[in-house]
């Protein structure tokens, strides 16, 4: 599964790129960020992402890595907060609910789930 905020990270990567590299990196990122179930395309996307990443300076790479880590931490915090809210409401989570939470790729999605609760609201 990819990091939740792929497009925003891609745009950050574009901003970091030097002007002569911008057009090439933009095309690469469009390809990399296109969702697909095809394993061959996914393998090519991974390779292209590595090439695009390698075009950045070491400082830009470090900045991008830090941003990705921070984004993953925010998403994990949002998932944890959602589980805490639902537990406080004494709402049991089924396997489907847990899978939905784990599949959330945006912190705002977890906020919406906190408002609506799990699909099945069984009492503990």
N, C-alpha and C. Protein backbone atom coordinates (compact mmCIF):
# COMPACT_ATOMS: atom_id res chain seq x y z
N UNK A 1 0.84 -1.17 0.00
CA UNK A 1 0.00 0.00 0.00
C UNK A 1 0.89 1.24 0.00
N UNK A 2 0.49 2.21 -0.73
CA UNK A 2 1.28 3.43 -0.82
C UNK A 2 0.97 4.35 0.34
N UNK A 3 1.83 5.30 0.52
CA UNK A 3 1.60 6.32 1.53
C UNK A 3 0.35 7.09 1.17
N UNK A 4 -0.40 7.53 2.16
CA UNK A 4 -1.68 8.13 1.95
C UNK A 4 -1.73 9.36 1.10
N UNK A 5 -0.82 10.22 1.24
CA UNK A 5 -0.94 11.51 0.56
C UNK A 5 0.04 11.56 -0.60
N UNK A 6 -0.11 10.62 -1.54
CA UNK A 6 0.85 10.49 -2.63
C UNK A 6 0.95 11.74 -3.50
N UNK A 7 -0.18 12.31 -3.84
CA UNK A 7 -0.16 13.47 -4.74
C UNK A 7 0.55 14.66 -4.08
N UNK A 8 0.27 14.90 -2.81
CA UNK A 8 0.93 16.01 -2.12
C UNK A 8 2.43 15.76 -2.04
N UNK A 9 2.82 14.53 -1.76
CA UNK A 9 4.26 14.22 -1.71
C UNK A 9 4.89 14.38 -3.08
N UNK A 10 4.16 13.99 -4.11
CA UNK A 10 4.66 14.16 -5.47
C UNK A 10 4.85 15.62 -5.81
N UNK A 11 3.91 16.46 -5.38
CA UNK A 11 4.04 17.90 -5.64
C UNK A 11 5.22 18.48 -4.87
N UNK A 12 5.44 18.01 -3.64
CA UNK A 12 6.60 18.48 -2.88
C UNK A 12 7.88 18.08 -3.61
N UNK A 13 7.89 16.88 -4.14
CA UNK A 13 9.07 16.41 -4.86
C UNK A 13 9.31 17.28 -6.10
N UNK A 14 8.23 17.66 -6.78
CA UNK A 14 8.36 18.54 -7.94
C UNK A 14 8.94 19.89 -7.56
N UNK A 15 8.48 20.43 -6.44
CA UNK A 15 8.99 21.74 -6.01
C UNK A 15 10.47 21.68 -5.69
N UNK A 16 10.93 20.51 -5.23
CA UNK A 16 12.34 20.37 -4.88
C UNK A 16 13.23 20.25 -6.11
N UNK A 17 12.65 19.83 -7.21
CA UNK A 17 13.47 19.57 -8.40
C UNK A 17 13.99 20.87 -8.99
N UNK A 18 15.14 20.79 -9.58
CA UNK A 18 15.71 21.93 -10.26
C UNK A 18 14.94 22.16 -11.55
N UNK A 19 14.92 23.37 -12.07
CA UNK A 19 14.15 23.71 -13.26
C UNK A 19 14.39 22.80 -14.46
N UNK A 20 15.64 22.51 -14.85
CA UNK A 20 15.84 21.66 -16.02
C UNK A 20 15.28 20.25 -15.82
N UNK A 21 15.19 19.83 -14.58
CA UNK A 21 14.70 18.48 -14.30
C UNK A 21 13.18 18.43 -14.17
N UNK A 22 12.56 19.59 -14.03
CA UNK A 22 11.15 19.65 -13.68
C UNK A 22 10.25 18.90 -14.65
N UNK A 23 10.37 19.12 -15.93
CA UNK A 23 9.48 18.47 -16.90
C UNK A 23 9.64 16.96 -16.87
N UNK A 24 10.87 16.49 -16.79
CA UNK A 24 11.10 15.05 -16.77
C UNK A 24 10.53 14.44 -15.50
N UNK A 25 10.77 15.07 -14.38
CA UNK A 25 10.28 14.54 -13.11
C UNK A 25 8.75 14.59 -13.06
N UNK A 26 8.15 15.64 -13.61
CA UNK A 26 6.69 15.74 -13.61
C UNK A 26 6.06 14.57 -14.36
N UNK A 27 6.60 14.23 -15.52
CA UNK A 27 6.08 13.09 -16.28
C UNK A 27 6.27 11.78 -15.54
N UNK A 28 7.43 11.63 -14.90
CA UNK A 28 7.69 10.42 -14.14
C UNK A 28 6.71 10.29 -12.97
N UNK A 29 6.47 11.39 -12.29
CA UNK A 29 5.56 11.34 -11.14
C UNK A 29 4.13 11.03 -11.56
N UNK A 30 3.70 11.56 -12.69
CA UNK A 30 2.35 11.23 -13.17
C UNK A 30 2.22 9.72 -13.36
N UNK A 31 3.23 9.12 -13.97
CA UNK A 31 3.22 7.68 -14.18
C UNK A 31 3.24 6.93 -12.85
N UNK A 32 4.13 7.34 -11.95
CA UNK A 32 4.29 6.64 -10.67
C UNK A 32 3.03 6.73 -9.84
N UNK A 33 2.33 7.86 -9.86
CA UNK A 33 1.17 8.08 -9.00
C UNK A 33 -0.13 7.54 -9.57
N UNK A 34 -0.09 6.96 -10.76
CA UNK A 34 -1.28 6.36 -11.35
C UNK A 34 -1.51 5.00 -10.69
N UNK A 35 -2.67 4.82 -10.10
CA UNK A 35 -2.98 3.56 -9.43
C UNK A 35 -3.24 2.47 -10.46
N UNK A 36 -2.69 1.29 -10.17
CA UNK A 36 -2.88 0.14 -11.04
C UNK A 36 -2.79 -1.14 -10.23
N UNK A 37 -3.45 -2.16 -10.71
CA UNK A 37 -3.36 -3.48 -10.09
C UNK A 37 -2.39 -4.39 -10.85
N UNK A 38 -1.89 -3.91 -11.97
CA UNK A 38 -1.00 -4.70 -12.82
C UNK A 38 0.39 -4.79 -12.18
N UNK A 39 0.85 -5.99 -11.80
CA UNK A 39 2.15 -6.13 -11.14
C UNK A 39 3.32 -5.65 -12.00
N UNK A 40 3.23 -5.83 -13.31
CA UNK A 40 4.32 -5.37 -14.18
C UNK A 40 4.40 -3.85 -14.18
N UNK A 41 3.26 -3.21 -14.25
CA UNK A 41 3.23 -1.73 -14.22
C UNK A 41 3.71 -1.24 -12.86
N UNK A 42 3.29 -1.91 -11.79
CA UNK A 42 3.74 -1.52 -10.46
C UNK A 42 5.24 -1.63 -10.32
N UNK A 43 5.83 -2.66 -10.91
CA UNK A 43 7.30 -2.82 -10.87
C UNK A 43 7.97 -1.68 -11.62
N UNK A 44 7.42 -1.31 -12.78
CA UNK A 44 7.98 -0.19 -13.53
C UNK A 44 7.80 1.12 -12.76
N UNK A 45 6.67 1.29 -12.11
CA UNK A 45 6.43 2.49 -11.32
C UNK A 45 7.47 2.61 -10.20
N UNK A 46 7.78 1.49 -9.57
CA UNK A 46 8.77 1.50 -8.49
C UNK A 46 10.14 1.91 -9.02
N UNK A 47 10.50 1.37 -10.18
CA UNK A 47 11.78 1.72 -10.79
C UNK A 47 11.82 3.20 -11.16
N UNK A 48 10.75 3.70 -11.76
CA UNK A 48 10.70 5.11 -12.16
C UNK A 48 10.76 6.01 -10.93
N UNK A 49 10.09 5.61 -9.84
CA UNK A 49 10.14 6.41 -8.62
C UNK A 49 11.56 6.50 -8.10
N UNK A 50 12.29 5.40 -8.17
CA UNK A 50 13.68 5.41 -7.73
C UNK A 50 14.52 6.33 -8.59
N UNK A 51 14.31 6.29 -9.90
CA UNK A 51 15.05 7.17 -10.81
C UNK A 51 14.76 8.63 -10.48
N UNK A 52 13.47 8.95 -10.29
CA UNK A 52 13.09 10.34 -9.97
C UNK A 52 13.72 10.77 -8.64
N UNK A 53 13.69 9.88 -7.67
CA UNK A 53 14.27 10.19 -6.36
C UNK A 53 15.77 10.43 -6.49
N UNK A 54 16.43 9.62 -7.30
CA UNK A 54 17.88 9.75 -7.48
C UNK A 54 18.27 11.05 -8.19
N UNK A 55 17.32 11.69 -8.87
CA UNK A 55 17.61 12.98 -9.52
C UNK A 55 17.70 14.13 -8.51
N UNK A 56 17.17 13.91 -7.31
CA UNK A 56 17.21 14.94 -6.28
C UNK A 56 18.59 14.98 -5.63
N UNK A 57 18.92 16.12 -5.08
CA UNK A 57 20.17 16.23 -4.33
C UNK A 57 20.03 15.46 -3.02
N UNK A 58 21.14 15.12 -2.37
CA UNK A 58 21.05 14.42 -1.08
C UNK A 58 20.22 15.20 -0.05
N UNK A 59 20.33 16.51 -0.05
CA UNK A 59 19.56 17.33 0.89
C UNK A 59 18.07 17.23 0.57
N UNK A 60 17.72 17.27 -0.72
CA UNK A 60 16.32 17.16 -1.12
C UNK A 60 15.77 15.77 -0.79
N UNK A 61 16.60 14.76 -0.98
CA UNK A 61 16.18 13.40 -0.64
C UNK A 61 15.88 13.30 0.85
N UNK A 62 16.77 13.85 1.67
CA UNK A 62 16.58 13.81 3.12
C UNK A 62 15.29 14.54 3.52
N UNK A 63 15.04 15.68 2.89
CA UNK A 63 13.83 16.45 3.18
C UNK A 63 12.59 15.65 2.80
N UNK A 64 12.61 15.03 1.64
CA UNK A 64 11.47 14.24 1.19
C UNK A 64 11.23 13.04 2.12
N UNK A 65 12.30 12.37 2.51
CA UNK A 65 12.18 11.23 3.43
C UNK A 65 11.57 11.69 4.75
N UNK A 66 12.01 12.83 5.25
CA UNK A 66 11.46 13.36 6.50
C UNK A 66 9.97 13.67 6.35
N UNK A 67 9.59 14.22 5.21
CA UNK A 67 8.18 14.54 4.98
C UNK A 67 7.33 13.28 4.90
N UNK A 68 7.84 12.26 4.25
CA UNK A 68 7.11 10.99 4.14
C UNK A 68 6.93 10.39 5.54
N UNK A 69 7.99 10.39 6.33
CA UNK A 69 7.90 9.85 7.69
C UNK A 69 6.89 10.64 8.52
N UNK A 70 6.90 11.95 8.40
CA UNK A 70 5.97 12.79 9.15
C UNK A 70 4.53 12.51 8.71
N UNK A 71 4.32 12.34 7.41
CA UNK A 71 2.98 12.05 6.89
C UNK A 71 2.49 10.70 7.41
N UNK A 72 3.36 9.70 7.40
CA UNK A 72 2.98 8.38 7.92
C UNK A 72 2.66 8.46 9.40
N UNK A 73 3.43 9.25 10.15
CA UNK A 73 3.18 9.40 11.58
C UNK A 73 1.83 10.07 11.83
N UNK A 74 1.51 11.11 11.03
CA UNK A 74 0.21 11.78 11.18
C UNK A 74 -0.93 10.80 10.90
N UNK A 75 -0.77 9.98 9.88
CA UNK A 75 -1.81 9.01 9.53
C UNK A 75 -1.96 7.97 10.63
N UNK A 76 -0.86 7.47 11.14
CA UNK A 76 -0.92 6.50 12.24
C UNK A 76 -1.56 7.11 13.48
N UNK A 77 -1.25 8.38 13.77
CA UNK A 77 -1.85 9.07 14.91
C UNK A 77 -3.36 9.21 14.71
N UNK A 78 -3.77 9.54 13.49
CA UNK A 78 -5.20 9.69 13.20
C UNK A 78 -5.92 8.35 13.34
N UNK A 79 -5.31 7.27 12.88
CA UNK A 79 -5.92 5.94 13.04
C UNK A 79 -6.04 5.59 14.52
N UNK A 80 -5.00 5.87 15.27
CA UNK A 80 -5.01 5.57 16.70
C UNK A 80 -6.08 6.40 17.41
N UNK A 81 -6.19 7.65 17.06
CA UNK A 81 -7.20 8.52 17.67
C UNK A 81 -8.61 8.01 17.34
N UNK A 82 -8.82 7.56 16.12
CA UNK A 82 -10.12 7.02 15.73
C UNK A 82 -10.45 5.79 16.58
N UNK A 83 -9.50 4.90 16.71
CA UNK A 83 -9.74 3.70 17.53
C UNK A 83 -10.05 4.08 18.98
N UNK A 84 -9.37 5.09 19.50
CA UNK A 84 -9.61 5.54 20.88
C UNK A 84 -11.01 6.11 21.03
N UNK A 85 -11.42 6.92 20.06
CA UNK A 85 -12.77 7.52 20.11
C UNK A 85 -13.83 6.43 20.08
N UNK A 86 -13.66 5.47 19.18
CA UNK A 86 -14.65 4.39 19.07
C UNK A 86 -14.67 3.52 20.31
N UNK A 87 -13.50 3.26 20.89
CA UNK A 87 -13.45 2.48 22.13
C UNK A 87 -14.11 3.25 23.27
N UNK A 88 -13.88 4.56 23.34
CA UNK A 88 -14.49 5.38 24.38
C UNK A 88 -16.02 5.36 24.26
N UNK A 89 -16.51 5.30 23.03
CA UNK A 89 -17.95 5.21 22.79
C UNK A 89 -18.47 3.78 23.02
N UNK A 90 -17.57 2.88 23.37
CA UNK A 90 -17.90 1.48 23.60
C UNK A 90 -18.50 0.82 22.35
N UNK A 91 -17.94 1.18 21.22
CA UNK A 91 -18.35 0.59 19.94
C UNK A 91 -17.34 -0.48 19.55
N UNK A 92 -17.82 -1.68 19.37
CA UNK A 92 -16.93 -2.79 18.99
C UNK A 92 -16.62 -2.69 17.50
N UNK A 93 -15.38 -2.98 17.18
CA UNK A 93 -14.96 -2.96 15.78
C UNK A 93 -14.87 -4.39 15.26
N UNK A 94 -15.53 -4.62 14.14
CA UNK A 94 -15.41 -5.91 13.48
C UNK A 94 -14.18 -5.91 12.60
N UNK A 95 -13.90 -7.05 12.01
CA UNK A 95 -12.74 -7.17 11.11
C UNK A 95 -12.87 -6.21 9.93
N UNK A 96 -14.08 -6.04 9.42
CA UNK A 96 -14.29 -5.12 8.29
C UNK A 96 -13.97 -3.68 8.70
N UNK A 97 -14.40 -3.32 9.92
CA UNK A 97 -14.13 -1.97 10.42
C UNK A 97 -12.63 -1.74 10.58
N UNK A 98 -11.94 -2.72 11.15
CA UNK A 98 -10.48 -2.61 11.31
C UNK A 98 -9.81 -2.46 9.95
N UNK A 99 -10.27 -3.22 8.98
CA UNK A 99 -9.70 -3.14 7.63
C UNK A 99 -9.95 -1.77 7.02
N UNK A 100 -11.14 -1.21 7.25
CA UNK A 100 -11.45 0.14 6.73
C UNK A 100 -10.52 1.18 7.35
N UNK A 101 -10.28 1.07 8.65
CA UNK A 101 -9.39 2.02 9.32
C UNK A 101 -7.98 1.89 8.76
N UNK A 102 -7.50 0.66 8.64
CA UNK A 102 -6.15 0.44 8.12
C UNK A 102 -6.02 0.88 6.67
N UNK A 103 -7.13 0.86 5.92
CA UNK A 103 -7.08 1.25 4.51
C UNK A 103 -7.16 2.77 4.33
N UNK A 104 -7.50 3.50 5.40
CA UNK A 104 -7.56 4.96 5.29
C UNK A 104 -6.19 5.50 4.90
N UNK A 105 -6.21 6.37 3.91
CA UNK A 105 -4.96 6.95 3.46
C UNK A 105 -4.88 8.45 3.71
N UNK A 106 -5.93 8.99 4.29
CA UNK A 106 -5.97 10.42 4.59
C UNK A 106 -6.46 10.62 6.02
N UNK A 107 -5.78 11.44 6.81
CA UNK A 107 -6.27 11.70 8.17
C UNK A 107 -7.71 12.19 8.20
N UNK A 108 -8.13 12.97 7.21
CA UNK A 108 -9.50 13.48 7.22
C UNK A 108 -10.52 12.35 7.05
N UNK A 109 -10.12 11.23 6.41
CA UNK A 109 -11.02 10.08 6.28
C UNK A 109 -11.27 9.46 7.65
N UNK A 110 -10.25 9.43 8.49
CA UNK A 110 -10.44 8.87 9.83
C UNK A 110 -11.35 9.78 10.66
N UNK A 111 -11.28 11.08 10.43
CA UNK A 111 -12.16 12.01 11.14
C UNK A 111 -13.62 11.77 10.75
N UNK A 112 -13.86 11.53 9.46
CA UNK A 112 -15.22 11.24 9.00
C UNK A 112 -15.73 9.94 9.60
N UNK A 113 -14.83 8.96 9.71
CA UNK A 113 -15.22 7.68 10.31
C UNK A 113 -15.53 7.85 11.79
N UNK A 114 -14.83 8.74 12.47
CA UNK A 114 -15.09 8.99 13.89
C UNK A 114 -16.49 9.57 14.08
N UNK A 115 -16.90 10.41 13.14
CA UNK A 115 -18.24 11.00 13.22
C UNK A 115 -19.32 9.96 12.97
N UNK A 116 -19.08 9.06 12.02
CA UNK A 116 -20.12 8.10 11.64
C UNK A 116 -20.06 6.80 12.43
N UNK A 117 -18.90 6.47 13.00
CA UNK A 117 -18.75 5.22 13.75
C UNK A 117 -18.57 4.04 12.82
N UNK A 118 -18.38 2.86 13.41
CA UNK A 118 -18.21 1.66 12.60
C UNK A 118 -19.51 1.31 11.88
N UNK A 119 -19.43 0.49 10.88
CA UNK A 119 -20.62 0.11 10.12
C UNK A 119 -21.60 -0.68 10.98
N UNK A 120 -21.06 -1.58 11.78
CA UNK A 120 -21.90 -2.33 12.71
C UNK A 120 -21.60 -1.81 14.10
N UNK A 121 -22.59 -1.31 14.78
CA UNK A 121 -22.34 -0.74 16.10
C UNK A 121 -22.83 -1.73 17.16
N UNK A 122 -22.02 -2.73 17.41
CA UNK A 122 -22.32 -3.72 18.42
C UNK A 122 -21.81 -3.21 19.77
N UNK A 123 -22.55 -3.48 20.80
CA UNK A 123 -22.12 -3.10 22.16
C UNK A 123 -21.18 -4.16 22.69
N UNK A 124 -20.17 -3.73 23.42
CA UNK A 124 -19.23 -4.67 24.06
C UNK A 124 -19.85 -5.27 25.29
